[in-house]
Amino acid sequence: MNRVQFVLGSLLLGGILIFGFYGLLVHAQDTEEYQKNPAYIEECGACHLAYPPGLMPSKTWDKVMTGLSDHFGENAELDDETAQLIMNYLQQESLRPGKPTVMSEMLRNLPQNPPLRMTEFPAFLAAHEIIGEQLEMESFPEGFLSPCADCHRQAADGIFEKDRMHPGYGPSNWGGAPSSNR
């Protein structure tokens, strides 16, 4: 083997290793748990899954936080200090353009005034359309898709990948691949 072949081979191998490590790093960041806020987990998680803030845009979180006196039929009011702490956290971690995350697709076709329920987002409905087809349902009753952990075993950690669903759920049981990754 001559020197030129050795140098070219070394450069090629080095490039492959760099791209491989880069891929591992990017994948590890995609499935990393979101930054949790203890007050948010304690207050909101006491009644339901404390949804990862990156699932919804700040406009939706604003509506949620300003409507706590009638939070889907319940009074969930908080003291001013706790409410402000949670609001700051939700704003900082919310889904927004220019902040790419694995959930950025939730912004697709989102109206200017987004719905209050994530389960009404166009991208959410598109990602879960196959469930309606599988269950032969034209529409879902209110709250039907709200308990994320029923299917997504790592929902509390903000991980919604199809390959991490509870056994018995997911594309291998649907008879085809859904139109979206989540």
N, C-alpha and C. Protein backbone atom coordinates (compact mmCIF):
# COMPACT_ATOMS: atom_id res chain seq x y z
N MET A 1 0.86 -1.17 0.00
CA MET A 1 0.00 0.00 0.00
C MET A 1 0.91 1.23 0.00
N ASN A 2 0.62 2.18 -0.88
CA ASN A 2 1.46 3.37 -0.90
C ASN A 2 0.91 4.45 0.03
N ARG A 3 1.65 5.46 0.22
CA ARG A 3 1.34 6.54 1.17
C ARG A 3 0.03 7.25 0.81
N VAL A 4 -0.25 7.48 -0.46
CA VAL A 4 -1.47 8.16 -0.89
C VAL A 4 -2.71 7.35 -0.51
N GLN A 5 -2.66 6.05 -0.76
CA GLN A 5 -3.79 5.20 -0.39
C GLN A 5 -4.01 5.20 1.13
N PHE A 6 -2.92 5.19 1.88
CA PHE A 6 -3.02 5.20 3.34
C PHE A 6 -3.68 6.50 3.81
N VAL A 7 -3.26 7.64 3.28
CA VAL A 7 -3.81 8.94 3.68
C VAL A 7 -5.29 9.03 3.28
N LEU A 8 -5.63 8.64 2.06
CA LEU A 8 -7.03 8.68 1.63
C LEU A 8 -7.90 7.74 2.47
N GLY A 9 -7.43 6.57 2.75
CA GLY A 9 -8.16 5.63 3.59
C GLY A 9 -8.37 6.16 4.99
N SER A 10 -7.34 6.77 5.54
CA SER A 10 -7.44 7.35 6.88
C SER A 10 -8.44 8.50 6.90
N LEU A 11 -8.41 9.36 5.89
CA LEU A 11 -9.36 10.47 5.81
C LEU A 11 -10.80 9.96 5.68
N LEU A 12 -10.99 8.96 4.84
CA LEU A 12 -12.31 8.37 4.65
C LEU A 12 -12.82 7.76 5.95
N LEU A 13 -11.99 6.99 6.62
CA LEU A 13 -12.37 6.37 7.89
C LEU A 13 -12.66 7.44 8.94
N GLY A 14 -11.82 8.45 8.99
CA GLY A 14 -12.04 9.55 9.94
C GLY A 14 -13.37 10.25 9.69
N GLY A 15 -13.68 10.49 8.42
CA GLY A 15 -14.96 11.13 8.08
C GLY A 15 -16.15 10.29 8.48
N ILE A 16 -16.06 8.99 8.23
CA ILE A 16 -17.14 8.08 8.61
C ILE A 16 -17.34 8.09 10.12
N LEU A 17 -16.26 8.04 10.87
CA LEU A 17 -16.36 8.06 12.33
C LEU A 17 -16.95 9.37 12.85
N ILE A 18 -16.54 10.47 12.27
CA ILE A 18 -17.08 11.78 12.69
C ILE A 18 -18.58 11.84 12.44
N PHE A 19 -19.02 11.45 11.25
CA PHE A 19 -20.46 11.47 10.95
C PHE A 19 -21.23 10.48 11.83
N GLY A 20 -20.61 9.35 12.13
CA GLY A 20 -21.25 8.37 13.00
C GLY A 20 -21.45 8.91 14.41
N PHE A 21 -20.41 9.52 14.96
CA PHE A 21 -20.54 10.11 16.30
C PHE A 21 -21.52 11.27 16.29
N TYR A 22 -21.53 12.05 15.23
CA TYR A 22 -22.49 13.14 15.11
C TYR A 22 -23.92 12.59 15.13
N GLY A 23 -24.16 11.51 14.39
CA GLY A 23 -25.49 10.88 14.37
C GLY A 23 -25.90 10.38 15.74
N LEU A 24 -24.97 9.76 16.45
CA LEU A 24 -25.27 9.30 17.81
C LEU A 24 -25.61 10.47 18.72
N LEU A 25 -24.86 11.55 18.61
CA LEU A 25 -25.10 12.72 19.43
C LEU A 25 -26.47 13.32 19.14
N VAL A 26 -26.82 13.47 17.87
CA VAL A 26 -28.12 14.03 17.49
C VAL A 26 -29.24 13.12 17.97
N HIS A 27 -29.11 11.82 17.79
CA HIS A 27 -30.15 10.90 18.24
C HIS A 27 -30.31 10.95 19.76
N ALA A 28 -29.20 11.03 20.47
CA ALA A 28 -29.28 11.10 21.94
C ALA A 28 -30.00 12.37 22.37
N GLN A 29 -29.80 13.46 21.66
CA GLN A 29 -30.50 14.71 22.01
C GLN A 29 -31.98 14.61 21.67
N ASP A 30 -32.34 13.92 20.59
CA ASP A 30 -33.74 13.79 20.21
C ASP A 30 -34.56 13.04 21.25
N THR A 31 -33.96 12.07 21.91
CA THR A 31 -34.71 11.26 22.85
C THR A 31 -34.42 11.64 24.30
N GLU A 32 -33.68 12.69 24.50
CA GLU A 32 -33.35 13.14 25.84
C GLU A 32 -34.61 13.64 26.55
N GLU A 33 -34.71 13.36 27.82
CA GLU A 33 -35.85 13.83 28.58
C GLU A 33 -35.83 15.36 28.61
N TYR A 34 -37.02 15.95 28.65
CA TYR A 34 -37.09 17.39 28.71
C TYR A 34 -36.76 17.89 30.11
N GLN A 35 -36.39 19.16 30.20
CA GLN A 35 -36.06 19.77 31.48
C GLN A 35 -37.33 19.92 32.31
N LYS A 36 -37.41 19.20 33.40
CA LYS A 36 -38.62 19.22 34.22
C LYS A 36 -38.54 20.30 35.29
N ASN A 37 -39.69 20.87 35.58
CA ASN A 37 -39.81 21.88 36.63
C ASN A 37 -40.60 21.26 37.78
N PRO A 38 -40.02 21.20 38.98
CA PRO A 38 -40.70 20.54 40.10
C PRO A 38 -42.08 21.12 40.42
N ALA A 39 -42.23 22.44 40.36
CA ALA A 39 -43.54 23.05 40.66
C ALA A 39 -44.57 22.63 39.62
N TYR A 40 -44.16 22.60 38.36
CA TYR A 40 -45.06 22.19 37.29
C TYR A 40 -45.47 20.73 37.46
N ILE A 41 -44.49 19.88 37.73
CA ILE A 41 -44.78 18.45 37.92
C ILE A 41 -45.71 18.26 39.11
N GLU A 42 -45.44 18.94 40.21
CA GLU A 42 -46.26 18.78 41.41
C GLU A 42 -47.68 19.29 41.21
N GLU A 43 -47.83 20.49 40.66
CA GLU A 43 -49.15 21.10 40.53
C GLU A 43 -49.97 20.50 39.40
N CYS A 44 -49.40 20.42 38.23
CA CYS A 44 -50.15 19.94 37.07
C CYS A 44 -50.18 18.42 37.02
N GLY A 45 -49.08 17.80 37.44
CA GLY A 45 -49.01 16.36 37.44
C GLY A 45 -49.83 15.70 38.53
N ALA A 46 -50.37 16.48 39.44
CA ALA A 46 -51.20 15.91 40.50
C ALA A 46 -52.52 15.38 39.94
N CYS A 47 -52.99 15.94 38.84
CA CYS A 47 -54.28 15.55 38.28
C CYS A 47 -54.17 14.81 36.94
N HIS A 48 -53.13 15.07 36.19
CA HIS A 48 -52.97 14.46 34.87
C HIS A 48 -51.49 14.47 34.51
N LEU A 49 -51.16 13.88 33.40
CA LEU A 49 -49.78 13.92 32.91
C LEU A 49 -49.36 15.38 32.78
N ALA A 50 -48.25 15.72 33.36
CA ALA A 50 -47.70 17.06 33.19
C ALA A 50 -47.07 17.08 31.80
N TYR A 51 -47.88 17.46 30.82
CA TYR A 51 -47.45 17.41 29.42
C TYR A 51 -46.15 18.16 29.22
N PRO A 52 -45.22 17.58 28.49
CA PRO A 52 -43.99 18.31 28.20
C PRO A 52 -44.33 19.64 27.54
N PRO A 53 -43.79 20.73 28.05
CA PRO A 53 -44.14 22.06 27.53
C PRO A 53 -43.84 22.24 26.05
N GLY A 54 -42.89 21.49 25.53
CA GLY A 54 -42.53 21.59 24.12
C GLY A 54 -43.54 20.98 23.18
N LEU A 55 -44.66 20.48 23.71
CA LEU A 55 -45.72 19.93 22.86
C LEU A 55 -46.65 21.02 22.34
N MET A 56 -46.67 22.16 23.02
CA MET A 56 -47.62 23.22 22.63
C MET A 56 -46.93 24.58 22.58
N PRO A 57 -47.43 25.47 21.73
CA PRO A 57 -46.84 26.80 21.61
C PRO A 57 -47.23 27.68 22.81
N SER A 58 -46.50 28.76 22.96
CA SER A 58 -46.72 29.66 24.11
C SER A 58 -48.14 30.23 24.13
N LYS A 59 -48.74 30.48 22.97
CA LYS A 59 -50.12 30.99 22.96
C LYS A 59 -51.09 30.02 23.64
N THR A 60 -50.89 28.74 23.41
CA THR A 60 -51.75 27.75 24.05
C THR A 60 -51.49 27.71 25.54
N TRP A 61 -50.21 27.73 25.94
CA TRP A 61 -49.91 27.72 27.37
C TRP A 61 -50.45 28.98 28.05
N ASP A 62 -50.41 30.12 27.37
CA ASP A 62 -51.01 31.35 27.93
C ASP A 62 -52.48 31.13 28.22
N LYS A 63 -53.19 30.54 27.25
CA LYS A 63 -54.63 30.30 27.44
C LYS A 63 -54.87 29.32 28.59
N VAL A 64 -54.05 28.31 28.68
CA VAL A 64 -54.19 27.33 29.77
C VAL A 64 -54.00 28.01 31.11
N MET A 65 -52.93 28.78 31.24
CA MET A 65 -52.60 29.38 32.53
C MET A 65 -53.55 30.50 32.93
N THR A 66 -54.11 31.22 31.97
CA THR A 66 -55.05 32.29 32.32
C THR A 66 -56.46 31.77 32.52
N GLY A 67 -56.67 30.49 32.23
CA GLY A 67 -58.00 29.91 32.39
C GLY A 67 -58.06 28.84 33.48
N LEU A 68 -57.20 28.94 34.47
CA LEU A 68 -57.15 27.89 35.49
C LEU A 68 -58.38 27.84 36.38
N SER A 69 -59.15 28.92 36.43
CA SER A 69 -60.37 28.88 37.26
C SER A 69 -61.40 27.93 36.64
N ASP A 70 -61.32 27.71 35.33
CA ASP A 70 -62.19 26.74 34.67
C ASP A 70 -61.31 25.91 33.73
N HIS A 71 -60.50 25.06 34.32
CA HIS A 71 -59.54 24.24 33.58
C HIS A 71 -60.23 22.95 33.17
N PHE A 72 -60.86 22.99 32.01
CA PHE A 72 -61.60 21.84 31.49
C PHE A 72 -62.63 21.35 32.52
N GLY A 73 -63.34 22.32 33.10
CA GLY A 73 -64.42 22.01 34.04
C GLY A 73 -63.99 21.92 35.50
N GLU A 74 -62.72 22.10 35.78
CA GLU A 74 -62.21 22.02 37.16
C GLU A 74 -61.56 23.36 37.54
N ASN A 75 -61.57 23.67 38.82
CA ASN A 75 -60.86 24.84 39.31
C ASN A 75 -59.44 24.40 39.66
N ALA A 76 -58.47 24.89 38.91
CA ALA A 76 -57.06 24.53 39.12
C ALA A 76 -56.24 25.76 39.46
N GLU A 77 -56.87 26.77 40.04
CA GLU A 77 -56.17 28.01 40.35
C GLU A 77 -54.98 27.77 41.27
N LEU A 78 -53.96 28.57 41.08
CA LEU A 78 -52.73 28.50 41.86
C LEU A 78 -52.47 29.85 42.50
N ASP A 79 -51.64 29.85 43.54
CA ASP A 79 -51.24 31.14 44.10
C ASP A 79 -50.41 31.88 43.06
N ASP A 80 -50.36 33.20 43.17
CA ASP A 80 -49.71 34.02 42.14
C ASP A 80 -48.24 33.66 41.91
N GLU A 81 -47.51 33.39 42.98
CA GLU A 81 -46.09 33.07 42.85
C GLU A 81 -45.88 31.77 42.08
N THR A 82 -46.63 30.74 42.44
CA THR A 82 -46.51 29.44 41.76
C THR A 82 -46.96 29.55 40.31
N ALA A 83 -48.07 30.27 40.09
CA ALA A 83 -48.57 30.45 38.73
C ALA A 83 -47.53 31.15 37.86
N GLN A 84 -46.87 32.17 38.39
CA GLN A 84 -45.86 32.90 37.61
C GLN A 84 -44.64 32.03 37.34
N LEU A 85 -44.23 31.24 38.32
CA LEU A 85 -43.11 30.33 38.15
C LEU A 85 -43.39 29.32 37.04
N ILE A 86 -44.58 28.74 37.08
CA ILE A 86 -44.96 27.75 36.07
C ILE A 86 -45.11 28.41 34.70
N MET A 87 -45.72 29.59 34.67
CA MET A 87 -45.89 30.31 33.40
C MET A 87 -44.54 30.62 32.76
N ASN A 88 -43.58 31.08 33.55
CA ASN A 88 -42.24 31.36 33.02
C ASN A 88 -41.61 30.10 32.44
N TYR A 89 -41.75 29.01 33.14
CA TYR A 89 -41.21 27.73 32.68
C TYR A 89 -41.86 27.31 31.36
N LEU A 90 -43.18 27.37 31.29
CA LEU A 90 -43.89 26.97 30.07
C LEU A 90 -43.51 27.85 28.90
N GLN A 91 -43.37 29.14 29.13
CA GLN A 91 -42.98 30.05 28.06
C GLN A 91 -41.57 29.73 27.55
N GLN A 92 -40.66 29.47 28.47
CA GLN A 92 -39.27 29.18 28.10
C GLN A 92 -39.15 27.88 27.32
N GLU A 93 -39.92 26.88 27.69
CA GLU A 93 -39.80 25.55 27.10
C GLU A 93 -40.83 25.25 26.02
N SER A 94 -41.68 26.21 25.69
CA SER A 94 -42.78 25.97 24.75
C SER A 94 -42.29 25.69 23.33
N LEU A 95 -43.18 25.11 22.56
CA LEU A 95 -42.95 24.83 21.15
C LEU A 95 -43.01 26.15 20.39
N ARG A 96 -41.99 26.42 19.59
CA ARG A 96 -42.00 27.66 18.83
C ARG A 96 -41.12 27.56 17.59
N PRO A 97 -41.48 28.33 16.57
CA PRO A 97 -40.65 28.34 15.37
C PRO A 97 -39.23 28.82 15.70
N GLY A 98 -38.26 28.25 15.06
CA GLY A 98 -36.88 28.65 15.29
C GLY A 98 -36.23 27.89 16.44
N LYS A 99 -37.00 27.07 17.14
CA LYS A 99 -36.47 26.23 18.22
C LYS A 99 -36.74 24.79 17.82
N PRO A 100 -35.88 24.21 16.97
CA PRO A 100 -36.15 22.87 16.47
C PRO A 100 -36.10 21.82 17.57
N THR A 101 -37.12 20.98 17.59
CA THR A 101 -37.20 19.86 18.52
C THR A 101 -37.81 18.69 17.77
N VAL A 102 -37.86 17.54 18.43
CA VAL A 102 -38.49 16.39 17.79
C VAL A 102 -40.00 16.61 17.65
N MET A 103 -40.56 17.57 18.36
CA MET A 103 -41.99 17.83 18.29
C MET A 103 -42.33 19.03 17.40
N SER A 104 -41.36 19.58 16.68
CA SER A 104 -41.60 20.74 15.83
C SER A 104 -42.70 20.53 14.82
N GLU A 105 -42.95 19.27 14.44
CA GLU A 105 -44.01 19.00 13.46
C GLU A 105 -45.38 19.41 14.00
N MET A 106 -45.52 19.59 15.32
CA MET A 106 -46.80 20.02 15.89
C MET A 106 -47.18 21.41 15.40
N LEU A 107 -46.21 22.17 14.89
CA LEU A 107 -46.49 23.51 14.37
C LEU A 107 -47.11 23.49 12.98
N ARG A 108 -47.07 22.33 12.32
CA ARG A 108 -47.61 22.24 10.96
C ARG A 108 -49.09 22.57 10.94
N ASN A 109 -49.46 23.45 10.05
CA ASN A 109 -50.85 23.83 9.82
C ASN A 109 -51.56 24.35 11.06
N LEU A 110 -50.80 24.83 12.02
CA LEU A 110 -51.38 25.35 13.25
C LEU A 110 -52.01 26.71 12.97
N PRO A 111 -53.27 26.91 13.33
CA PRO A 111 -53.90 28.20 13.08
C PRO A 111 -53.25 29.32 13.91
N GLN A 112 -53.47 30.55 13.50
CA GLN A 112 -52.92 31.71 14.20
C GLN A 112 -53.32 31.70 15.67
N ASN A 113 -54.55 31.31 15.93
CA ASN A 113 -55.05 31.20 17.29
C ASN A 113 -55.19 29.70 17.61
N PRO A 114 -54.12 29.06 18.12
CA PRO A 114 -54.14 27.61 18.27
C PRO A 114 -55.17 27.14 19.28
N PRO A 115 -55.64 25.91 19.11
CA PRO A 115 -56.62 25.37 20.04
C PRO A 115 -56.02 25.20 21.44
N LEU A 116 -56.88 25.08 22.40
CA LEU A 116 -56.46 24.89 23.78
C LEU A 116 -55.99 23.46 24.02
N ARG A 117 -56.58 22.53 23.33
CA ARG A 117 -56.23 21.12 23.50
C ARG A 117 -55.24 20.69 22.41
N MET A 118 -54.16 20.09 22.85
CA MET A 118 -53.17 19.59 21.91
C MET A 118 -53.79 18.55 20.98
N THR A 119 -54.78 17.82 21.48
CA THR A 119 -55.42 16.77 20.69
C THR A 119 -56.26 17.33 19.55
N GLU A 120 -56.34 18.67 19.46
CA GLU A 120 -57.05 19.31 18.35
C GLU A 120 -56.09 19.95 17.34
N PHE A 121 -54.78 19.85 17.57
CA PHE A 121 -53.80 20.39 16.64
C PHE A 121 -53.85 19.58 15.35
N PRO A 122 -53.80 20.22 14.19
CA PRO A 122 -53.83 19.48 12.93
C PRO A 122 -52.75 18.40 12.82
N ALA A 123 -51.52 18.70 13.25
CA ALA A 123 -50.44 17.71 13.14
C ALA A 123 -50.68 16.53 14.09
N PHE A 124 -51.24 16.80 15.25
CA PHE A 124 -51.57 15.72 16.18
C PHE A 124 -52.62 14.81 15.57
N LEU A 125 -53.66 15.41 15.02
CA LEU A 125 -54.73 14.61 14.41
C LEU A 125 -54.21 13.79 13.24
N ALA A 126 -53.33 14.39 12.44
CA ALA A 126 -52.76 13.65 11.31
C ALA A 126 -51.91 12.48 11.79
N ALA A 127 -51.14 12.70 12.86
CA ALA A 127 -50.27 11.64 13.38
C ALA A 127 -51.07 10.50 14.00
N HIS A 128 -52.27 10.80 14.49
CA HIS A 128 -53.08 9.79 15.16
C HIS A 128 -54.25 9.31 14.30
N GLU A 129 -54.29 9.73 13.05
CA GLU A 129 -55.36 9.36 12.13
C GLU A 129 -55.50 7.84 11.99
N ILE A 130 -54.38 7.16 11.97
CA ILE A 130 -54.39 5.71 11.79
C ILE A 130 -55.13 5.01 12.92
N ILE A 131 -55.17 5.62 14.09
CA ILE A 131 -55.88 5.01 15.23
C ILE A 131 -57.38 4.97 14.93
N GLY A 132 -57.90 6.07 14.40
CA GLY A 132 -59.31 6.09 14.02
C GLY A 132 -59.62 5.04 12.97
N GLU A 133 -58.72 4.89 12.01
CA GLU A 133 -58.92 3.88 10.97
C GLU A 133 -58.89 2.48 11.58
N GLN A 134 -57.92 2.25 12.47
CA GLN A 134 -57.78 0.94 13.10
C GLN A 134 -59.02 0.60 13.93
N LEU A 135 -59.52 1.58 14.66
CA LEU A 135 -60.67 1.34 15.53
C LEU A 135 -62.00 1.58 14.83
N GLU A 136 -61.94 1.93 13.54
CA GLU A 136 -63.12 2.22 12.73
C GLU A 136 -63.98 3.30 13.38
N MET A 137 -63.32 4.40 13.76
CA MET A 137 -64.01 5.54 14.37
C MET A 137 -63.83 6.75 13.45
N GLU A 138 -64.91 7.44 13.14
CA GLU A 138 -64.81 8.63 12.29
C GLU A 138 -64.30 9.82 13.08
N SER A 139 -64.60 9.88 14.37
CA SER A 139 -64.08 10.93 15.23
C SER A 139 -63.90 10.35 16.63
N PHE A 140 -63.10 11.03 17.43
CA PHE A 140 -62.84 10.55 18.78
C PHE A 140 -63.69 11.32 19.79
N PRO A 141 -64.21 10.65 20.79
CA PRO A 141 -64.90 11.36 21.86
C PRO A 141 -63.91 12.29 22.58
N GLU A 142 -64.40 13.37 23.16
CA GLU A 142 -63.54 14.31 23.87
C GLU A 142 -62.72 13.57 24.92
N GLY A 143 -61.42 13.82 24.91
CA GLY A 143 -60.52 13.21 25.88
C GLY A 143 -60.02 11.83 25.52
N PHE A 144 -60.48 11.26 24.42
CA PHE A 144 -60.13 9.89 24.04
C PHE A 144 -58.61 9.71 23.89
N LEU A 145 -57.94 10.69 23.28
CA LEU A 145 -56.51 10.58 23.04
C LEU A 145 -55.67 11.32 24.08
N SER A 146 -56.30 11.87 25.10
CA SER A 146 -55.58 12.66 26.10
C SER A 146 -54.64 11.86 26.99
N PRO A 147 -54.99 10.67 27.42
CA PRO A 147 -54.04 9.94 28.27
C PRO A 147 -52.90 9.35 27.45
N CYS A 148 -51.91 10.17 27.14
CA CYS A 148 -50.80 9.77 26.27
C CYS A 148 -50.14 8.48 26.74
N ALA A 149 -49.99 8.34 28.06
CA ALA A 149 -49.27 7.18 28.61
C ALA A 149 -50.00 5.87 28.35
N ASP A 150 -51.25 5.92 27.93
CA ASP A 150 -51.94 4.68 27.59
C ASP A 150 -51.21 3.95 26.46
N CYS A 151 -50.66 4.69 25.53
CA CYS A 151 -49.94 4.10 24.41
C CYS A 151 -48.43 4.37 24.48
N HIS A 152 -48.08 5.59 24.85
CA HIS A 152 -46.68 6.02 24.87
C HIS A 152 -46.11 5.83 26.28
N ARG A 153 -45.36 4.75 26.46
CA ARG A 153 -44.92 4.40 27.81
C ARG A 153 -43.94 5.40 28.42
N GLN A 154 -43.30 6.25 27.63
CA GLN A 154 -42.37 7.24 28.16
C GLN A 154 -42.91 8.66 27.98
N ALA A 155 -44.21 8.80 27.93
CA ALA A 155 -44.83 10.11 27.76
C ALA A 155 -44.44 11.08 28.87
N ALA A 156 -44.34 10.60 30.08
CA ALA A 156 -43.98 11.47 31.21
C ALA A 156 -42.58 12.06 31.05
N ASP A 157 -41.76 11.42 30.24
CA ASP A 157 -40.42 11.92 29.98
C ASP A 157 -40.35 12.72 28.68
N GLY A 158 -41.48 12.91 28.03
CA GLY A 158 -41.51 13.67 26.79
C GLY A 158 -41.04 12.88 25.59
N ILE A 159 -41.10 11.55 25.67
CA ILE A 159 -40.63 10.69 24.58
C ILE A 159 -41.85 10.00 23.97
N PHE A 160 -42.08 10.26 22.68
CA PHE A 160 -43.27 9.77 22.01
C PHE A 160 -42.96 8.96 20.76
N GLU A 161 -41.72 8.46 20.61
CA GLU A 161 -41.36 7.70 19.42
C GLU A 161 -42.22 6.45 19.29
N LYS A 162 -42.55 6.12 18.06
CA LYS A 162 -43.40 4.95 17.79
C LYS A 162 -42.77 3.66 18.29
N ASP A 163 -41.46 3.55 18.20
CA ASP A 163 -40.83 2.30 18.60
C ASP A 163 -40.72 2.15 20.12
N ARG A 164 -41.18 3.15 20.86
CA ARG A 164 -41.16 3.07 22.32
C ARG A 164 -42.56 3.03 22.91
N MET A 165 -43.50 2.57 22.11
CA MET A 165 -44.88 2.48 22.58
C MET A 165 -45.06 1.19 23.38
N HIS A 166 -46.12 1.13 24.16
CA HIS A 166 -46.42 -0.10 24.89
C HIS A 166 -46.61 -1.24 23.90
N PRO A 167 -46.24 -2.44 24.28
CA PRO A 167 -46.49 -3.59 23.39
C PRO A 167 -47.98 -3.68 23.04
N GLY A 168 -48.24 -4.00 21.79
CA GLY A 168 -49.63 -4.10 21.34
C GLY A 168 -50.11 -2.83 20.66
N TYR A 169 -49.30 -1.78 20.67
CA TYR A 169 -49.64 -0.52 20.02
C TYR A 169 -48.59 -0.22 18.98
N GLY A 170 -48.94 0.60 18.03
CA GLY A 170 -47.94 1.05 17.07
C GLY A 170 -48.13 0.48 15.68
N PRO A 171 -47.28 0.92 14.76
CA PRO A 171 -47.42 0.58 13.34
C PRO A 171 -47.45 -0.90 13.05
N SER A 172 -46.71 -1.70 13.79
CA SER A 172 -46.69 -3.15 13.49
C SER A 172 -48.05 -3.77 13.75
N ASN A 173 -48.88 -3.15 14.55
CA ASN A 173 -50.22 -3.66 14.83
C ASN A 173 -51.29 -2.97 14.00
N TRP A 174 -50.93 -1.93 13.28
CA TRP A 174 -51.90 -1.16 12.52
C TRP A 174 -52.06 -1.65 11.09
N GLY A 175 -51.18 -2.50 10.66
CA GLY A 175 -51.26 -3.00 9.30
C GLY A 175 -50.71 -2.02 8.29
N GLY A 176 -49.95 -1.05 8.73
CA GLY A 176 -49.35 -0.08 7.82
C GLY A 176 -48.70 1.02 8.61
N ALA A 177 -47.89 1.79 7.97
CA ALA A 177 -47.21 2.88 8.65
C ALA A 177 -48.08 4.12 8.67
N PRO A 178 -48.13 4.82 9.81
CA PRO A 178 -48.90 6.06 9.87
C PRO A 178 -48.25 7.14 9.01
N SER A 179 -49.01 8.20 8.77
CA SER A 179 -48.54 9.26 7.89
C SER A 179 -47.53 10.18 8.55
N SER A 180 -47.28 10.02 9.85
CA SER A 180 -46.36 10.90 10.56
C SER A 180 -45.55 10.08 11.55
N ASN A 181 -44.46 10.66 12.02
CA ASN A 181 -43.58 9.95 12.95
C ASN A 181 -44.14 9.85 14.35
N ARG A 182 -45.02 10.74 14.76
CA ARG A 182 -45.51 10.74 16.14
C ARG A 182 -47.00 10.88 16.17
